[in-house]
């Protein structure tokens, strides 16, 4: 299978123009314009095709859509060790929030202990999207049944000037407030986060339907 040809066959120029506005750091010529549902269908086809292995080794890719497809292909990998190896190989090439945030390997949910070890490492990375990915995985997998209040120290320890890291931190703490209010609210009360992140987390939490009116009013008083 010629994967690049398959992507261009699915091109939607109007969608490409729309995508370019959402990912300003990605040059327009790198955006083919394939919609995500079509990418997911293609990923399922490629995952069963001999071309998969060669495609995953072709880094860096020429096109943004290839990066999205790459992330979706890894997400379909059922062997945890192989999935983690492919994840580690790909992460240094992730250069925008959209690829970072679509990247969510399914098998991670079955290997929480090993995943947490990697999250601790990713969250300390100075590379913007490796750090963002680590915090995103913590948010996705460790704010529900597997929650431990000690895990909140992982994002709280991150210090960054990068917008896309700080936005993820704000998103994380807003979600944590919705799911684990009692454990999370001291981080806002004690101003453990950088000022911008602190205020953005409050804003996002107050926009959430999962936060009560009383909690939203209390958060409003915590802005700084």
N, C-alpha and C. Protein backbone atom coordinates (compact mmCIF):
# COMPACT_ATOMS: atom_id res chain seq x y z
N UNK A 1 0.84 -1.20 0.00
CA UNK A 1 0.00 0.00 0.00
C UNK A 1 0.87 1.25 0.00
N UNK A 2 0.58 2.19 -0.89
CA UNK A 2 1.27 3.48 -0.88
C UNK A 2 0.45 4.42 0.01
N UNK A 3 0.89 4.57 1.23
CA UNK A 3 0.11 5.29 2.23
C UNK A 3 -0.06 6.76 1.88
N UNK A 4 0.99 7.38 1.34
CA UNK A 4 0.88 8.79 0.98
C UNK A 4 -0.17 9.00 -0.11
N UNK A 5 -0.21 8.10 -1.08
CA UNK A 5 -1.22 8.19 -2.13
C UNK A 5 -2.63 8.03 -1.55
N UNK A 6 -2.76 7.12 -0.59
CA UNK A 6 -4.06 6.90 0.05
C UNK A 6 -4.51 8.18 0.76
N UNK A 7 -3.59 8.86 1.41
CA UNK A 7 -3.93 10.09 2.11
C UNK A 7 -4.38 11.19 1.14
N UNK A 8 -3.65 11.34 0.07
CA UNK A 8 -4.02 12.37 -0.91
C UNK A 8 -5.36 12.05 -1.58
N UNK A 9 -5.68 10.78 -1.70
CA UNK A 9 -6.97 10.39 -2.28
C UNK A 9 -8.14 10.80 -1.37
N UNK A 10 -7.84 11.00 -0.09
CA UNK A 10 -8.86 11.37 0.90
C UNK A 10 -8.85 12.88 1.19
N UNK A 11 -8.10 13.62 0.42
CA UNK A 11 -7.91 15.05 0.69
C UNK A 11 -9.20 15.85 0.56
N UNK A 12 -9.37 16.75 1.53
CA UNK A 12 -10.49 17.70 1.53
C UNK A 12 -9.85 19.08 1.68
N UNK A 13 -9.78 19.85 0.60
CA UNK A 13 -9.06 21.12 0.62
C UNK A 13 -9.69 22.13 1.57
N UNK A 14 -11.00 22.11 1.67
CA UNK A 14 -11.67 23.01 2.61
C UNK A 14 -11.29 22.68 4.04
N UNK A 15 -11.22 21.40 4.34
CA UNK A 15 -10.84 20.97 5.68
C UNK A 15 -9.38 21.29 5.95
N UNK A 16 -8.54 21.20 4.91
CA UNK A 16 -7.12 21.54 5.06
C UNK A 16 -6.97 23.00 5.48
N UNK A 17 -7.74 23.88 4.84
CA UNK A 17 -7.69 25.31 5.17
C UNK A 17 -8.14 25.54 6.61
N UNK A 18 -9.16 24.80 7.04
CA UNK A 18 -9.66 24.91 8.40
C UNK A 18 -8.60 24.44 9.39
N UNK A 19 -7.95 23.33 9.09
CA UNK A 19 -6.92 22.77 9.97
C UNK A 19 -5.74 23.72 10.14
N UNK A 20 -5.37 24.38 9.05
CA UNK A 20 -4.22 25.28 9.10
C UNK A 20 -4.42 26.41 10.11
N UNK A 21 -5.66 26.81 10.33
CA UNK A 21 -5.95 27.87 11.30
C UNK A 21 -5.80 27.36 12.73
N UNK A 22 -6.01 26.06 12.93
CA UNK A 22 -5.95 25.48 14.27
C UNK A 22 -4.54 25.11 14.71
N UNK A 23 -3.68 24.90 13.75
CA UNK A 23 -2.31 24.48 14.06
C UNK A 23 -1.32 25.45 13.40
N UNK A 24 -1.26 26.68 13.90
CA UNK A 24 -0.45 27.73 13.26
C UNK A 24 1.04 27.42 13.17
N UNK A 25 1.53 26.54 14.00
CA UNK A 25 2.96 26.22 13.95
C UNK A 25 3.33 25.24 12.85
N UNK A 26 2.34 24.69 12.17
CA UNK A 26 2.59 23.71 11.11
C UNK A 26 2.47 24.40 9.76
N UNK A 27 3.52 24.35 8.92
CA UNK A 27 3.45 24.99 7.60
C UNK A 27 2.28 24.47 6.78
N UNK A 28 1.63 25.36 6.06
CA UNK A 28 0.45 25.00 5.27
C UNK A 28 0.73 23.87 4.29
N UNK A 29 1.94 23.85 3.74
CA UNK A 29 2.26 22.83 2.74
C UNK A 29 2.37 21.42 3.33
N UNK A 30 2.39 21.32 4.65
CA UNK A 30 2.45 20.00 5.30
C UNK A 30 1.07 19.42 5.56
N UNK A 31 0.03 20.21 5.34
CA UNK A 31 -1.32 19.77 5.67
C UNK A 31 -2.04 19.28 4.41
N UNK A 32 -2.35 17.99 4.37
CA UNK A 32 -3.08 17.42 3.24
C UNK A 32 -4.57 17.74 3.38
N UNK A 33 -5.12 17.53 4.56
CA UNK A 33 -6.53 17.83 4.80
C UNK A 33 -7.41 16.59 4.81
N UNK A 34 -7.01 15.58 5.59
CA UNK A 34 -7.81 14.36 5.71
C UNK A 34 -8.57 14.42 7.04
N UNK A 35 -9.87 14.22 6.97
CA UNK A 35 -10.68 14.27 8.18
C UNK A 35 -10.36 13.08 9.10
N UNK A 36 -10.52 13.29 10.40
CA UNK A 36 -10.14 12.27 11.39
C UNK A 36 -10.90 10.95 11.21
N UNK A 37 -12.20 10.94 10.96
CA UNK A 37 -12.87 9.65 10.74
C UNK A 37 -12.26 8.85 9.59
N UNK A 38 -11.83 9.55 8.53
CA UNK A 38 -11.20 8.88 7.40
C UNK A 38 -9.81 8.36 7.80
N UNK A 39 -9.10 9.13 8.62
CA UNK A 39 -7.80 8.69 9.11
C UNK A 39 -7.93 7.43 9.97
N UNK A 40 -8.97 7.39 10.78
CA UNK A 40 -9.17 6.22 11.63
C UNK A 40 -9.49 4.97 10.79
N UNK A 41 -10.28 5.14 9.75
CA UNK A 41 -10.57 4.01 8.86
C UNK A 41 -9.29 3.53 8.18
N UNK A 42 -8.48 4.49 7.71
CA UNK A 42 -7.24 4.13 7.03
C UNK A 42 -6.29 3.45 8.00
N UNK A 43 -6.24 3.91 9.23
CA UNK A 43 -5.35 3.30 10.24
C UNK A 43 -5.70 1.83 10.44
N UNK A 44 -6.96 1.50 10.46
CA UNK A 44 -7.37 0.11 10.64
C UNK A 44 -6.94 -0.75 9.44
N UNK A 45 -6.97 -0.15 8.26
CA UNK A 45 -6.52 -0.87 7.06
C UNK A 45 -5.01 -1.07 7.08
N UNK A 46 -4.29 0.00 7.38
CA UNK A 46 -2.83 -0.06 7.36
C UNK A 46 -2.30 -0.97 8.46
N UNK A 47 -3.00 -1.03 9.59
CA UNK A 47 -2.54 -1.86 10.70
C UNK A 47 -2.47 -3.34 10.33
N UNK A 48 -3.20 -3.72 9.30
CA UNK A 48 -3.20 -5.12 8.84
C UNK A 48 -2.38 -5.31 7.57
N UNK A 49 -1.73 -4.23 7.13
CA UNK A 49 -0.99 -4.26 5.87
C UNK A 49 0.52 -4.31 6.12
N UNK A 50 1.28 -5.01 5.25
CA UNK A 50 2.73 -5.09 5.42
C UNK A 50 3.43 -3.73 5.38
N UNK A 51 2.77 -2.72 4.84
CA UNK A 51 3.38 -1.40 4.74
C UNK A 51 3.49 -0.69 6.09
N UNK A 52 2.81 -1.20 7.10
CA UNK A 52 2.78 -0.54 8.42
C UNK A 52 4.18 -0.33 8.98
N UNK A 53 4.97 -1.38 9.02
CA UNK A 53 6.29 -1.31 9.65
C UNK A 53 7.19 -0.28 8.98
N UNK A 54 7.22 -0.29 7.64
CA UNK A 54 8.06 0.66 6.91
C UNK A 54 7.59 2.09 7.14
N UNK A 55 6.27 2.29 7.20
CA UNK A 55 5.73 3.63 7.41
C UNK A 55 6.14 4.18 8.78
N UNK A 56 6.10 3.36 9.80
CA UNK A 56 6.44 3.81 11.15
C UNK A 56 7.93 4.16 11.27
N UNK A 57 8.72 3.62 10.38
CA UNK A 57 10.16 3.91 10.40
C UNK A 57 10.50 5.16 9.60
N UNK A 58 9.57 5.66 8.81
CA UNK A 58 9.82 6.83 7.95
C UNK A 58 9.65 8.13 8.72
N UNK A 59 10.55 8.37 9.64
CA UNK A 59 10.49 9.58 10.46
C UNK A 59 11.68 10.49 10.18
N UNK A 60 11.47 11.81 10.09
CA UNK A 60 10.17 12.47 10.22
C UNK A 60 9.34 12.34 8.95
N UNK A 61 8.03 12.40 9.10
CA UNK A 61 7.14 12.35 7.95
C UNK A 61 7.09 13.71 7.26
N UNK A 62 6.75 13.69 6.00
CA UNK A 62 6.66 14.94 5.24
C UNK A 62 5.39 15.71 5.58
N UNK A 63 4.33 14.99 5.95
CA UNK A 63 3.02 15.63 6.12
C UNK A 63 2.45 15.46 7.53
N UNK A 64 1.76 16.49 7.95
CA UNK A 64 1.04 16.50 9.24
C UNK A 64 0.06 15.33 9.32
N UNK A 65 -0.64 15.07 8.25
CA UNK A 65 -1.63 13.97 8.23
C UNK A 65 -0.95 12.62 8.42
N UNK A 66 0.28 12.49 7.95
CA UNK A 66 1.04 11.27 8.19
C UNK A 66 1.35 11.11 9.67
N UNK A 67 1.64 12.22 10.33
CA UNK A 67 1.87 12.18 11.77
C UNK A 67 0.61 11.73 12.51
N UNK A 68 -0.53 12.26 12.12
CA UNK A 68 -1.79 11.85 12.73
C UNK A 68 -2.03 10.35 12.52
N UNK A 69 -1.80 9.90 11.31
CA UNK A 69 -1.98 8.49 11.00
C UNK A 69 -1.02 7.64 11.82
N UNK A 70 0.21 8.09 11.95
CA UNK A 70 1.22 7.39 12.73
C UNK A 70 0.73 7.20 14.17
N UNK A 71 0.21 8.27 14.76
CA UNK A 71 -0.30 8.20 16.14
C UNK A 71 -1.46 7.20 16.24
N UNK A 72 -2.34 7.22 15.25
CA UNK A 72 -3.49 6.32 15.27
C UNK A 72 -3.08 4.87 15.06
N UNK A 73 -2.04 4.64 14.28
CA UNK A 73 -1.54 3.28 14.09
C UNK A 73 -0.96 2.72 15.38
N UNK A 74 -0.18 3.52 16.08
CA UNK A 74 0.38 3.06 17.35
C UNK A 74 -0.75 2.77 18.34
N UNK A 75 -1.79 3.58 18.30
CA UNK A 75 -2.93 3.39 19.22
C UNK A 75 -3.60 2.04 19.04
N UNK A 76 -3.47 1.46 17.84
CA UNK A 76 -4.10 0.17 17.55
C UNK A 76 -3.22 -1.02 17.96
N UNK A 77 -1.97 -0.77 18.29
CA UNK A 77 -1.05 -1.85 18.66
C UNK A 77 -1.47 -2.50 19.98
N UNK A 78 -1.64 -3.82 19.98
CA UNK A 78 -2.15 -4.52 21.16
C UNK A 78 -1.05 -5.04 22.08
N UNK A 79 0.15 -5.15 21.59
CA UNK A 79 1.27 -5.61 22.42
C UNK A 79 1.86 -4.41 23.16
N UNK A 80 1.80 -4.41 24.48
CA UNK A 80 2.22 -3.25 25.24
C UNK A 80 3.69 -2.90 25.03
N UNK A 81 4.56 -3.89 25.08
CA UNK A 81 6.00 -3.62 24.92
C UNK A 81 6.29 -2.98 23.57
N UNK A 82 5.68 -3.52 22.52
CA UNK A 82 5.89 -2.98 21.18
C UNK A 82 5.28 -1.59 21.07
N UNK A 83 4.10 -1.41 21.65
CA UNK A 83 3.42 -0.11 21.61
C UNK A 83 4.27 0.95 22.31
N UNK A 84 4.83 0.60 23.46
CA UNK A 84 5.66 1.55 24.20
C UNK A 84 6.92 1.89 23.41
N UNK A 85 7.50 0.89 22.78
CA UNK A 85 8.70 1.13 21.96
C UNK A 85 8.38 2.06 20.80
N UNK A 86 7.25 1.83 20.13
CA UNK A 86 6.85 2.69 19.02
C UNK A 86 6.49 4.10 19.50
N UNK A 87 5.92 4.18 20.68
CA UNK A 87 5.58 5.49 21.27
C UNK A 87 6.84 6.30 21.53
N UNK A 88 7.83 5.67 22.15
CA UNK A 88 9.08 6.35 22.47
C UNK A 88 9.80 6.80 21.20
N UNK A 89 9.71 6.01 20.15
CA UNK A 89 10.36 6.37 18.89
C UNK A 89 9.67 7.56 18.22
N UNK A 90 8.36 7.66 18.39
CA UNK A 90 7.58 8.69 17.71
C UNK A 90 7.53 10.02 18.46
N UNK A 91 7.49 9.98 19.77
CA UNK A 91 7.29 11.20 20.56
C UNK A 91 8.23 12.35 20.22
N UNK A 92 9.52 12.11 19.98
CA UNK A 92 10.41 13.24 19.66
C UNK A 92 10.04 13.98 18.37
N UNK A 93 9.21 13.35 17.53
CA UNK A 93 8.83 13.96 16.26
C UNK A 93 7.47 14.65 16.31
N UNK A 94 6.79 14.56 17.44
CA UNK A 94 5.50 15.24 17.59
C UNK A 94 5.77 16.72 17.79
N UNK A 95 5.20 17.57 16.93
CA UNK A 95 5.53 18.99 16.97
C UNK A 95 4.31 19.91 17.02
N UNK A 96 3.15 19.35 17.40
CA UNK A 96 1.96 20.20 17.52
C UNK A 96 0.95 19.53 18.45
N UNK A 97 0.04 20.34 18.98
CA UNK A 97 -0.92 19.85 19.98
C UNK A 97 -1.90 18.83 19.40
N UNK A 98 -2.26 18.98 18.13
CA UNK A 98 -3.28 18.10 17.55
C UNK A 98 -2.81 16.66 17.45
N UNK A 99 -1.59 16.46 16.99
CA UNK A 99 -1.03 15.11 16.93
C UNK A 99 -0.84 14.57 18.35
N UNK A 100 -0.34 15.41 19.23
CA UNK A 100 -0.12 15.01 20.62
C UNK A 100 -1.41 14.52 21.26
N UNK A 101 -2.49 15.25 21.06
CA UNK A 101 -3.72 14.95 21.78
C UNK A 101 -4.54 13.82 21.17
N UNK A 102 -4.31 13.51 19.90
CA UNK A 102 -5.01 12.38 19.29
C UNK A 102 -4.30 11.06 19.61
N UNK A 103 -3.08 11.18 20.11
CA UNK A 103 -2.20 10.04 20.35
C UNK A 103 -2.58 9.39 21.69
N UNK A 104 -3.31 8.29 21.65
CA UNK A 104 -3.80 7.65 22.87
C UNK A 104 -3.85 6.13 22.70
N UNK A 105 -2.73 5.44 22.90
CA UNK A 105 -2.70 3.98 22.74
C UNK A 105 -3.70 3.27 23.65
N UNK A 106 -4.51 2.41 23.07
CA UNK A 106 -5.55 1.71 23.82
C UNK A 106 -4.99 0.75 24.86
N UNK A 107 -3.88 0.12 24.54
CA UNK A 107 -3.32 -0.90 25.42
C UNK A 107 -2.78 -0.33 26.72
N UNK A 108 -2.55 0.97 26.76
CA UNK A 108 -2.04 1.60 27.99
C UNK A 108 -2.98 1.36 29.17
N UNK A 109 -4.27 1.28 28.91
CA UNK A 109 -5.27 1.11 29.98
C UNK A 109 -5.10 -0.21 30.72
N UNK A 110 -4.42 -1.17 30.10
CA UNK A 110 -4.24 -2.48 30.73
C UNK A 110 -2.89 -2.63 31.42
N UNK A 111 -2.08 -1.58 31.39
CA UNK A 111 -0.73 -1.66 31.96
C UNK A 111 -0.44 -0.39 32.75
N UNK A 112 -1.27 -0.12 33.76
CA UNK A 112 -1.19 1.14 34.49
C UNK A 112 0.13 1.33 35.24
N UNK A 113 0.62 0.27 35.86
CA UNK A 113 1.85 0.41 36.65
C UNK A 113 3.04 0.80 35.78
N UNK A 114 3.19 0.09 34.66
CA UNK A 114 4.30 0.40 33.74
C UNK A 114 4.10 1.77 33.10
N UNK A 115 2.85 2.10 32.78
CA UNK A 115 2.54 3.39 32.17
C UNK A 115 2.90 4.54 33.11
N UNK A 116 2.57 4.40 34.38
CA UNK A 116 2.86 5.46 35.34
C UNK A 116 4.36 5.75 35.42
N UNK A 117 5.16 4.71 35.33
CA UNK A 117 6.62 4.90 35.34
C UNK A 117 7.06 5.76 34.17
N UNK A 118 6.48 5.52 33.00
CA UNK A 118 6.84 6.31 31.83
C UNK A 118 6.29 7.73 31.93
N UNK A 119 5.10 7.87 32.47
CA UNK A 119 4.50 9.20 32.63
C UNK A 119 5.40 10.09 33.48
N UNK A 120 5.96 9.54 34.53
CA UNK A 120 6.85 10.32 35.41
C UNK A 120 8.05 10.85 34.62
N UNK A 121 8.53 10.07 33.69
CA UNK A 121 9.67 10.48 32.85
C UNK A 121 9.23 11.49 31.80
N UNK A 122 8.13 11.20 31.11
CA UNK A 122 7.65 12.11 30.07
C UNK A 122 7.33 13.49 30.64
N UNK A 123 6.73 13.53 31.81
CA UNK A 123 6.32 14.81 32.40
C UNK A 123 7.51 15.70 32.74
N UNK A 124 8.68 15.12 32.90
CA UNK A 124 9.88 15.88 33.23
C UNK A 124 10.64 16.35 31.99
N UNK A 125 10.16 15.93 30.81
CA UNK A 125 10.87 16.27 29.58
C UNK A 125 10.83 17.77 29.30
N UNK A 126 11.92 18.27 28.75
CA UNK A 126 11.96 19.67 28.33
C UNK A 126 11.36 19.86 26.94
N UNK A 127 11.06 18.77 26.27
CA UNK A 127 10.42 18.82 24.96
C UNK A 127 8.91 19.02 25.17
N UNK A 128 8.40 20.07 24.59
CA UNK A 128 7.02 20.50 24.83
C UNK A 128 6.00 19.38 24.72
N UNK A 129 6.04 18.64 23.62
CA UNK A 129 4.95 17.70 23.38
C UNK A 129 5.17 16.35 24.03
N UNK A 130 6.39 16.05 24.44
CA UNK A 130 6.60 14.86 25.26
C UNK A 130 6.02 15.13 26.65
N UNK A 131 6.31 16.30 27.20
CA UNK A 131 5.75 16.69 28.48
C UNK A 131 4.22 16.73 28.42
N UNK A 132 3.68 17.38 27.41
CA UNK A 132 2.22 17.48 27.26
C UNK A 132 1.60 16.09 27.17
N UNK A 133 2.22 15.20 26.41
CA UNK A 133 1.70 13.85 26.26
C UNK A 133 1.66 13.13 27.61
N UNK A 134 2.73 13.28 28.39
CA UNK A 134 2.78 12.63 29.70
C UNK A 134 1.66 13.09 30.61
N UNK A 135 1.44 14.40 30.67
CA UNK A 135 0.37 14.93 31.51
C UNK A 135 -1.00 14.50 30.97
N UNK A 136 -1.13 14.45 29.66
CA UNK A 136 -2.38 13.99 29.06
C UNK A 136 -2.69 12.55 29.41
N UNK A 137 -1.67 11.70 29.42
CA UNK A 137 -1.87 10.29 29.78
C UNK A 137 -2.22 10.16 31.26
N UNK A 138 -1.63 11.00 32.10
CA UNK A 138 -1.98 10.99 33.52
C UNK A 138 -3.44 11.39 33.70
N UNK A 139 -3.87 12.40 32.99
CA UNK A 139 -5.25 12.87 33.07
C UNK A 139 -6.22 11.79 32.60
N UNK A 140 -5.86 11.13 31.52
CA UNK A 140 -6.76 10.13 30.94
C UNK A 140 -6.89 8.87 31.79
N UNK A 141 -5.79 8.44 32.39
CA UNK A 141 -5.78 7.13 33.03
C UNK A 141 -5.76 7.13 34.56
N UNK A 142 -5.49 8.27 35.19
CA UNK A 142 -5.27 8.23 36.63
C UNK A 142 -6.09 9.22 37.44
N UNK A 143 -7.21 9.67 36.93
CA UNK A 143 -8.08 10.55 37.70
C UNK A 143 -9.39 9.88 38.10
N UNK A 144 -9.50 8.59 37.85
CA UNK A 144 -10.73 7.88 38.18
C UNK A 144 -10.44 6.76 39.18
N UNK A 145 -10.69 5.53 38.82
CA UNK A 145 -10.52 4.41 39.77
C UNK A 145 -9.09 4.24 40.25
N UNK A 146 -8.12 4.59 39.40
CA UNK A 146 -6.72 4.41 39.76
C UNK A 146 -6.10 5.67 40.37
N UNK A 147 -6.92 6.60 40.80
CA UNK A 147 -6.42 7.86 41.34
C UNK A 147 -5.71 7.68 42.68
N UNK A 148 -4.64 8.44 42.83
CA UNK A 148 -3.94 8.57 44.11
C UNK A 148 -3.58 10.05 44.21
N UNK A 149 -3.89 10.68 45.33
CA UNK A 149 -3.63 12.11 45.49
C UNK A 149 -2.18 12.46 45.24
N UNK A 150 -1.29 11.52 45.48
CA UNK A 150 0.14 11.77 45.27
C UNK A 150 0.46 12.03 43.80
N UNK A 151 -0.38 11.52 42.91
CA UNK A 151 -0.13 11.71 41.48
C UNK A 151 -0.26 13.18 41.07
N UNK A 152 -0.97 13.98 41.84
CA UNK A 152 -1.12 15.39 41.51
C UNK A 152 0.21 16.14 41.60
N UNK A 153 1.14 15.57 42.30
CA UNK A 153 2.46 16.20 42.40
C UNK A 153 3.23 16.14 41.08
N UNK A 154 2.87 15.19 40.22
CA UNK A 154 3.58 15.06 38.94
C UNK A 154 3.37 16.32 38.08
N UNK A 155 2.13 16.72 37.81
CA UNK A 155 1.94 17.96 37.04
C UNK A 155 2.30 19.21 37.84
N UNK A 156 2.08 19.18 39.15
CA UNK A 156 2.38 20.36 39.96
C UNK A 156 3.86 20.70 39.94
N UNK A 157 4.69 19.69 39.71
CA UNK A 157 6.14 19.89 39.69
C UNK A 157 6.66 20.44 38.36
N UNK A 158 5.81 20.44 37.33
CA UNK A 158 6.24 20.89 36.01
C UNK A 158 6.34 22.42 35.98
N UNK A 159 7.48 22.91 35.57
CA UNK A 159 7.68 24.34 35.41
C UNK A 159 8.09 24.60 33.96
N UNK A 160 7.27 25.35 33.26
CA UNK A 160 7.52 25.55 31.84
C UNK A 160 7.02 26.93 31.40
N UNK A 161 7.68 27.45 30.39
CA UNK A 161 7.24 28.70 29.77
C UNK A 161 6.45 28.41 28.49
N UNK A 162 6.30 27.14 28.16
CA UNK A 162 5.64 26.75 26.92
C UNK A 162 4.12 26.80 27.05
N UNK A 163 3.49 27.53 26.16
CA UNK A 163 2.04 27.68 26.19
C UNK A 163 1.33 26.33 26.16
N UNK A 164 1.75 25.42 25.29
CA UNK A 164 1.03 24.17 25.12
C UNK A 164 1.26 23.20 26.28
N UNK A 165 2.31 23.40 27.04
CA UNK A 165 2.48 22.64 28.28
C UNK A 165 1.56 23.21 29.35
N UNK A 166 1.58 24.52 29.50
CA UNK A 166 0.78 25.15 30.54
C UNK A 166 -0.72 25.00 30.30
N UNK A 167 -1.12 25.00 29.03
CA UNK A 167 -2.53 24.78 28.73
C UNK A 167 -2.94 23.36 29.14
N UNK A 168 -2.08 22.39 28.91
CA UNK A 168 -2.38 21.02 29.33
C UNK A 168 -2.43 20.92 30.85
N UNK A 169 -1.53 21.62 31.54
CA UNK A 169 -1.55 21.61 33.00
C UNK A 169 -2.88 22.19 33.52
N UNK A 170 -3.32 23.27 32.90
CA UNK A 170 -4.60 23.88 33.29
C UNK A 170 -5.76 22.92 33.03
N UNK A 171 -5.73 22.28 31.90
CA UNK A 171 -6.75 21.30 31.54
C UNK A 171 -6.76 20.15 32.54
N UNK A 172 -5.55 19.69 32.90
CA UNK A 172 -5.43 18.60 33.87
C UNK A 172 -6.08 18.99 35.20
N UNK A 173 -5.70 20.14 35.74
CA UNK A 173 -6.21 20.52 37.06
C UNK A 173 -7.70 20.85 37.03
N UNK A 174 -8.20 21.37 35.93
CA UNK A 174 -9.64 21.60 35.81
C UNK A 174 -10.38 20.27 35.83
N UNK A 175 -9.84 19.28 35.13
CA UNK A 175 -10.45 17.95 35.11
C UNK A 175 -10.33 17.30 36.48
N UNK A 176 -9.18 17.46 37.12
CA UNK A 176 -8.98 16.90 38.46
C UNK A 176 -9.96 17.50 39.46
N UNK A 177 -10.24 18.80 39.33
CA UNK A 177 -11.22 19.43 40.21
C UNK A 177 -12.60 18.80 40.02
N UNK A 178 -12.94 18.50 38.78
CA UNK A 178 -14.23 17.90 38.49
C UNK A 178 -14.35 16.48 39.03
N UNK A 179 -13.23 15.76 39.01
CA UNK A 179 -13.27 14.35 39.39
C UNK A 179 -12.79 14.07 40.81
N UNK A 180 -11.87 14.89 41.29
CA UNK A 180 -11.26 14.65 42.61
C UNK A 180 -11.12 15.99 43.35
N UNK A 181 -12.25 16.62 43.61
CA UNK A 181 -12.26 17.97 44.17
C UNK A 181 -11.45 18.08 45.46
N UNK A 182 -11.73 17.25 46.44
CA UNK A 182 -11.11 17.38 47.76
C UNK A 182 -9.60 17.30 47.71
N UNK A 183 -9.08 16.42 46.88
CA UNK A 183 -7.63 16.26 46.78
C UNK A 183 -6.99 17.38 45.97
N UNK A 184 -7.74 17.95 45.05
CA UNK A 184 -7.17 18.92 44.10
C UNK A 184 -7.27 20.37 44.56
N UNK A 185 -8.34 20.73 45.25
CA UNK A 185 -8.57 22.13 45.57
C UNK A 185 -7.43 22.77 46.37
N UNK A 186 -6.70 22.03 47.23
CA UNK A 186 -5.58 22.68 47.93
C UNK A 186 -4.51 23.24 47.00
N UNK A 187 -4.36 22.67 45.81
CA UNK A 187 -3.36 23.17 44.87
C UNK A 187 -3.73 24.57 44.38
N UNK A 188 -5.02 24.87 44.35
CA UNK A 188 -5.47 26.21 43.98
C UNK A 188 -5.47 27.13 45.21
N UNK A 189 -5.92 26.60 46.33
CA UNK A 189 -5.96 27.40 47.56
C UNK A 189 -4.56 27.85 47.98
N UNK A 190 -3.60 26.96 47.80
CA UNK A 190 -2.22 27.26 48.21
C UNK A 190 -1.37 27.81 47.08
N UNK A 191 -2.01 28.08 45.95
CA UNK A 191 -1.34 28.67 44.79
C UNK A 191 -0.06 27.93 44.41
N UNK A 192 -0.22 26.63 44.22
CA UNK A 192 0.91 25.78 43.86
C UNK A 192 1.29 25.89 42.39
N UNK A 193 0.42 26.46 41.58
CA UNK A 193 0.66 26.54 40.14
C UNK A 193 1.11 27.94 39.75
N UNK A 194 1.77 28.03 38.60
CA UNK A 194 2.14 29.34 38.06
C UNK A 194 0.86 30.15 37.86
N UNK A 195 0.96 31.48 37.98
CA UNK A 195 -0.22 32.34 37.97
C UNK A 195 -1.11 32.11 36.74
N UNK A 196 -0.51 32.09 35.55
CA UNK A 196 -1.32 31.91 34.33
C UNK A 196 -2.03 30.57 34.36
N UNK A 197 -1.32 29.52 34.73
CA UNK A 197 -1.90 28.18 34.77
C UNK A 197 -2.99 28.09 35.84
N UNK A 198 -2.73 28.69 36.97
CA UNK A 198 -3.70 28.75 38.07
C UNK A 198 -5.02 29.36 37.58
N UNK A 199 -4.93 30.53 36.97
CA UNK A 199 -6.14 31.23 36.52
C UNK A 199 -6.83 30.51 35.37
N UNK A 200 -6.04 29.92 34.48
CA UNK A 200 -6.63 29.19 33.35
C UNK A 200 -7.34 27.93 33.85
N UNK A 201 -6.77 27.26 34.83
CA UNK A 201 -7.41 26.07 35.40
C UNK A 201 -8.76 26.45 36.03
N UNK A 202 -8.78 27.56 36.73
CA UNK A 202 -10.03 28.04 37.33
C UNK A 202 -11.05 28.37 36.25
N UNK A 203 -10.61 29.06 35.20
CA UNK A 203 -11.51 29.40 34.10
C UNK A 203 -12.13 28.15 33.48
N UNK A 204 -11.27 27.16 33.18
CA UNK A 204 -11.76 25.95 32.53
C UNK A 204 -12.68 25.17 33.46
N UNK A 205 -12.36 25.15 34.75
CA UNK A 205 -13.20 24.44 35.71
C UNK A 205 -14.57 25.12 35.82
N UNK A 206 -14.58 26.44 35.81
CA UNK A 206 -15.84 27.18 35.94
C UNK A 206 -16.70 27.06 34.68
N UNK A 207 -16.08 26.63 33.58
CA UNK A 207 -16.83 26.40 32.34
C UNK A 207 -17.40 24.98 32.27
N UNK A 208 -17.00 24.14 33.22
CA UNK A 208 -17.37 22.73 33.20
C UNK A 208 -18.75 22.49 33.81
N UNK A 209 -19.53 21.64 33.17
CA UNK A 209 -20.84 21.27 33.71
C UNK A 209 -20.69 20.29 34.88
N UNK A 210 -19.48 19.76 35.06
CA UNK A 210 -19.26 18.79 36.14
C UNK A 210 -18.91 19.47 37.47
N UNK A 211 -18.76 20.78 37.46
CA UNK A 211 -18.46 21.55 38.66
C UNK A 211 -19.74 22.22 39.14
N UNK A 212 -20.05 22.10 40.42
CA UNK A 212 -21.29 22.67 40.94
C UNK A 212 -21.22 24.19 40.97
N UNK A 213 -22.39 24.83 41.08
CA UNK A 213 -22.46 26.29 41.13
C UNK A 213 -21.71 26.83 42.34
N UNK A 214 -21.83 26.15 43.48
CA UNK A 214 -21.15 26.58 44.69
C UNK A 214 -19.63 26.47 44.52
N UNK A 215 -19.19 25.40 43.90
CA UNK A 215 -17.76 25.22 43.67
C UNK A 215 -17.23 26.28 42.70
N UNK A 216 -18.01 26.60 41.69
CA UNK A 216 -17.60 27.62 40.73
C UNK A 216 -17.46 28.99 41.40
N UNK A 217 -18.37 29.29 42.30
CA UNK A 217 -18.31 30.56 43.01
C UNK A 217 -17.08 30.61 43.91
N UNK A 218 -16.77 29.48 44.55
CA UNK A 218 -15.59 29.43 45.41
C UNK A 218 -14.32 29.59 44.57
N UNK A 219 -14.27 28.93 43.43
CA UNK A 219 -13.10 29.04 42.55
C UNK A 219 -12.90 30.47 42.08
N UNK A 220 -13.99 31.16 41.82
CA UNK A 220 -13.90 32.56 41.37
C UNK A 220 -13.14 33.40 42.38
N UNK A 221 -13.32 33.11 43.66
CA UNK A 221 -12.64 33.87 44.72
C UNK A 221 -11.16 33.53 44.84
N UNK A 222 -10.76 32.45 44.21
CA UNK A 222 -9.37 32.00 44.28
C UNK A 222 -8.49 32.57 43.15
N UNK A 223 -9.10 33.29 42.21
CA UNK A 223 -8.31 33.84 41.10
C UNK A 223 -7.29 34.83 41.64
N UNK A 224 -6.15 34.88 40.94
CA UNK A 224 -5.09 35.79 41.39
C UNK A 224 -4.52 36.58 40.21
